[in-house]
Amino acid sequence: MANPRVANGAARRRLAARIRAEGQPCCICGGPIDYTLPAGHPLSFEMDEDLPTSRWSEFGYPSATACALDPANVHAAHRICNERKGDRTLAELRRSAAGTATADAFVADGWA
């Protein structure tokens, strides 16, 4: 099965552009996002699916693509926060011990 985030590149880019234009803070840690940072930087912008695309059927989506392209399910996040979240929902992350980590540690380490 193809990655729905890549297979629907044009639609994902339009969605990312809309989210980027909103300039929202990270949905995971709440910290500001520097939208000018290059992709790959730990504090750069990434799109996060609250309900993970890998678990689409658990949440009633008809397909992984529908999950990946649902505007209500996609939010702005720091790359590092999104990586730490993994395939958990925001609610699951906040209930876990890993949910206490924020991007602040990376700012303190000189990443900003």
C-alpha atoms as a PDB file:
ATOM      1  CA  MET A   1       0.000   0.000   0.000  1.00  0.00           C
ATOM      2  CA  ALA A   2       1.378   3.410  -0.954  1.00  0.00           C
ATOM      3  CA  ASN A   3       1.947   6.064   1.677  1.00  0.00           C
ATOM      4  CA  PRO A   4      -1.216   8.244   1.526  1.00  0.00           C
ATOM      5  CA  ARG A   5       0.823  11.333   2.407  1.00  0.00           C
ATOM      6  CA  VAL A   6       3.026  10.847  -0.696  1.00  0.00           C
ATOM      7  CA  ALA A   7       0.495   9.329  -3.096  1.00  0.00           C
ATOM      8  CA  ASN A   8      -1.691  12.439  -2.716  1.00  0.00           C
ATOM      9  CA  GLY A   9       1.135  14.957  -2.957  1.00  0.00           C
ATOM     10  CA  ALA A  10      -0.760  17.826  -4.599  1.00  0.00           C
ATOM     11  CA  ALA A  11      -3.647  17.613  -2.147  1.00  0.00           C
ATOM     12  CA  ARG A  12      -1.249  17.385   0.826  1.00  0.00           C
ATOM     13  CA  ARG A  13       0.738  20.393  -0.407  1.00  0.00           C
ATOM     14  CA  ARG A  14      -2.473  22.450  -0.658  1.00  0.00           C
ATOM     15  CA  LEU A  15      -3.438  21.382   2.862  1.00  0.00           C
ATOM     16  CA  ALA A  16       0.055  22.188   4.176  1.00  0.00           C
ATOM     17  CA  ALA A  17      -0.063  25.622   2.523  1.00  0.00           C
ATOM     18  CA  ARG A  18      -3.389  26.373   4.212  1.00  0.00           C
ATOM     19  CA  ILE A  19      -2.104  25.295   7.617  1.00  0.00           C
ATOM     20  CA  ARG A  20       1.177  27.167   7.142  1.00  0.00           C
ATOM     21  CA  ALA A  21      -0.750  30.356   6.237  1.00  0.00           C
ATOM     22  CA  GLU A  22      -2.685  30.136   9.515  1.00  0.00           C
ATOM     23  CA  GLY A  23       0.614  30.375  11.435  1.00  0.00           C
ATOM     24  CA  GLN A  24      -0.666  28.294  14.332  1.00  0.00           C
ATOM     25  CA  PRO A  25       1.537  27.137  17.229  1.00  0.00           C
ATOM     26  CA  CYS A  26       2.508  23.495  17.662  1.00  0.00           C
ATOM     27  CA  CYS A  27      -0.593  21.436  18.436  1.00  0.00           C
ATOM     28  CA  ILE A  28       1.504  19.105  20.580  1.00  0.00           C
ATOM     29  CA  CYS A  29       3.628  21.336  22.831  1.00  0.00           C
ATOM     30  CA  GLY A  30       1.886  24.672  22.251  1.00  0.00           C
ATOM     31  CA  GLY A  31       5.144  26.451  21.398  1.00  0.00           C
ATOM     32  CA  PRO A  32       5.538  28.829  18.474  1.00  0.00           C
ATOM     33  CA  ILE A  33       6.700  27.430  15.146  1.00  0.00           C
ATOM     34  CA  ASP A  34       9.300  29.229  13.051  1.00  0.00           C
ATOM     35  CA  TYR A  35       7.834  28.599   9.607  1.00  0.00           C
ATOM     36  CA  THR A  36      11.032  29.854   7.944  1.00  0.00           C
ATOM     37  CA  LEU A  37      13.169  26.948   9.206  1.00  0.00           C
ATOM     38  CA  PRO A  38      14.147  24.384   6.573  1.00  0.00           C
ATOM     39  CA  ALA A  39      12.399  21.017   6.483  1.00  0.00           C
ATOM     40  CA  GLY A  40      14.236  18.523   8.641  1.00  0.00           C
ATOM     41  CA  HIS A  41      15.153  20.999  11.385  1.00  0.00           C
ATOM     42  CA  PRO A  42      13.772  19.699  14.726  1.00  0.00           C
ATOM     43  CA  LEU A  43      11.730  22.878  15.267  1.00  0.00           C
ATOM     44  CA  SER A  44      10.489  23.215  11.667  1.00  0.00           C
ATOM     45  CA  PHE A  45       6.845  22.960  10.596  1.00  0.00           C
ATOM     46  CA  GLU A  46       5.267  19.596   9.891  1.00  0.00           C
ATOM     47  CA  MET A  47       1.674  18.535   9.534  1.00  0.00           C
ATOM     48  CA  ASP A  48       0.470  16.228  12.278  1.00  0.00           C
ATOM     49  CA  GLU A  49      -2.564  14.005  12.032  1.00  0.00           C
ATOM     50  CA  ASP A  50      -4.294  13.954  15.417  1.00  0.00           C
ATOM     51  CA  LEU A  51      -5.821  10.595  14.503  1.00  0.00           C
ATOM     52  CA  PRO A  52      -2.849   8.728  12.987  1.00  0.00           C
ATOM     53  CA  THR A  53      -3.107   7.744   9.347  1.00  0.00           C
ATOM     54  CA  SER A  54      -1.581   4.369  10.195  1.00  0.00           C
ATOM     55  CA  ARG A  55      -4.649   3.629  12.365  1.00  0.00           C
ATOM     56  CA  TRP A  56      -7.295   5.087  10.031  1.00  0.00           C
ATOM     57  CA  SER A  57      -9.760   2.198  10.334  1.00  0.00           C
ATOM     58  CA  GLU A  58      -9.945   2.566  14.142  1.00  0.00           C
ATOM     59  CA  PHE A  59     -11.344   6.066  13.709  1.00  0.00           C
ATOM     60  CA  GLY A  60     -14.002   5.306  11.080  1.00  0.00           C
ATOM     61  CA  TYR A  61     -12.243   6.698   8.016  1.00  0.00           C
ATOM     62  CA  PRO A  62     -13.024   4.875   4.771  1.00  0.00           C
ATOM     63  CA  SER A  63      -9.317   4.889   3.842  1.00  0.00           C
ATOM     64  CA  ALA A  64      -5.868   6.058   4.940  1.00  0.00           C
ATOM     65  CA  THR A  65      -6.105   8.725   2.252  1.00  0.00           C
ATOM     66  CA  ALA A  66      -9.296  10.135   3.747  1.00  0.00           C
ATOM     67  CA  CYS A  67      -7.576  10.292   7.138  1.00  0.00           C
ATOM     68  CA  ALA A  68      -4.469  11.993   5.719  1.00  0.00           C
ATOM     69  CA  LEU A  69      -6.480  14.605   3.816  1.00  0.00           C
ATOM     70  CA  ASP A  70      -9.133  15.449   6.432  1.00  0.00           C
ATOM     71  CA  PRO A  71      -8.601  19.163   7.268  1.00  0.00           C
ATOM     72  CA  ALA A  72     -10.159  18.632  10.707  1.00  0.00           C
ATOM     73  CA  ASN A  73      -7.555  15.961  11.479  1.00  0.00           C
ATOM     74  CA  VAL A  74      -4.418  17.840  10.381  1.00  0.00           C
ATOM     75  CA  HIS A  75      -2.625  20.459  12.486  1.00  0.00           C
ATOM     76  CA  ALA A  76       0.686  22.338  12.657  1.00  0.00           C
ATOM     77  CA  ALA A  77       3.453  20.751  14.732  1.00  0.00           C
ATOM     78  CA  HIS A  78       7.190  20.927  15.297  1.00  0.00           C
ATOM     79  CA  ARG A  79       9.019  18.115  13.523  1.00  0.00           C
ATOM     80  CA  ILE A  80      10.496  16.826  16.795  1.00  0.00           C
ATOM     81  CA  CYS A  81       7.160  16.926  18.612  1.00  0.00           C
ATOM     82  CA  ASN A  82       5.510  15.053  15.746  1.00  0.00           C
ATOM     83  CA  GLU A  83       8.275  12.426  15.789  1.00  0.00           C
ATOM     84  CA  ARG A  84       7.868  11.933  19.535  1.00  0.00           C
ATOM     85  CA  LYS A  85       4.113  11.654  19.190  1.00  0.00           C
ATOM     86  CA  GLY A  86       4.496   8.806  16.718  1.00  0.00           C
ATOM     87  CA  ASP A  87       1.291   6.920  15.935  1.00  0.00           C
ATOM     88  CA  ARG A  88      -0.520   8.022  19.079  1.00  0.00           C
ATOM     89  CA  THR A  89      -3.406  10.445  19.220  1.00  0.00           C
ATOM     90  CA  LEU A  90      -2.890  13.734  21.065  1.00  0.00           C
ATOM     91  CA  ALA A  91      -5.022  12.381  23.915  1.00  0.00           C
ATOM     92  CA  GLU A  92      -2.888   9.224  24.149  1.00  0.00           C
ATOM     93  CA  LEU A  93       0.300  11.291  24.099  1.00  0.00           C
ATOM     94  CA  ARG A  94      -0.903  13.544  26.907  1.00  0.00           C
ATOM     95  CA  ARG A  95      -1.718  10.502  29.040  1.00  0.00           C
ATOM     96  CA  SER A  96       1.764   9.048  28.550  1.00  0.00           C
ATOM     97  CA  ALA A  97       5.000   9.989  30.279  1.00  0.00           C
ATOM     98  CA  ALA A  98       6.468  11.032  26.910  1.00  0.00           C
ATOM     99  CA  GLY A  99       3.797  13.712  26.736  1.00  0.00           C
ATOM    100  CA  THR A 100       5.737  15.830  29.206  1.00  0.00           C
ATOM    101  CA  ALA A 101       8.514  16.515  26.697  1.00  0.00           C
ATOM    102  CA  THR A 102       8.213  19.703  24.671  1.00  0.00           C
ATOM    103  CA  ALA A 103      10.228  21.531  22.070  1.00  0.00           C
ATOM    104  CA  ASP A 104      11.651  23.742  24.866  1.00  0.00           C
ATOM    105  CA  ALA A 105      14.430  21.219  25.451  1.00  0.00           C
ATOM    106  CA  PHE A 106      15.593  21.666  21.860  1.00  0.00           C
ATOM    107  CA  VAL A 107      15.534  25.445  22.125  1.00  0.00           C
ATOM    108  CA  ALA A 108      17.665  25.179  25.263  1.00  0.00           C
ATOM    109  CA  ASP A 109      20.099  22.912  23.399  1.00  0.00           C
ATOM    110  CA  GLY A 110      20.653  25.592  20.762  1.00  0.00           C
ATOM    111  CA  TRP A 111      18.433  24.273  17.975  1.00  0.00           C
ATOM    112  CA  ALA A 112      16.435  27.496  17.661  1.00  0.00           C
END
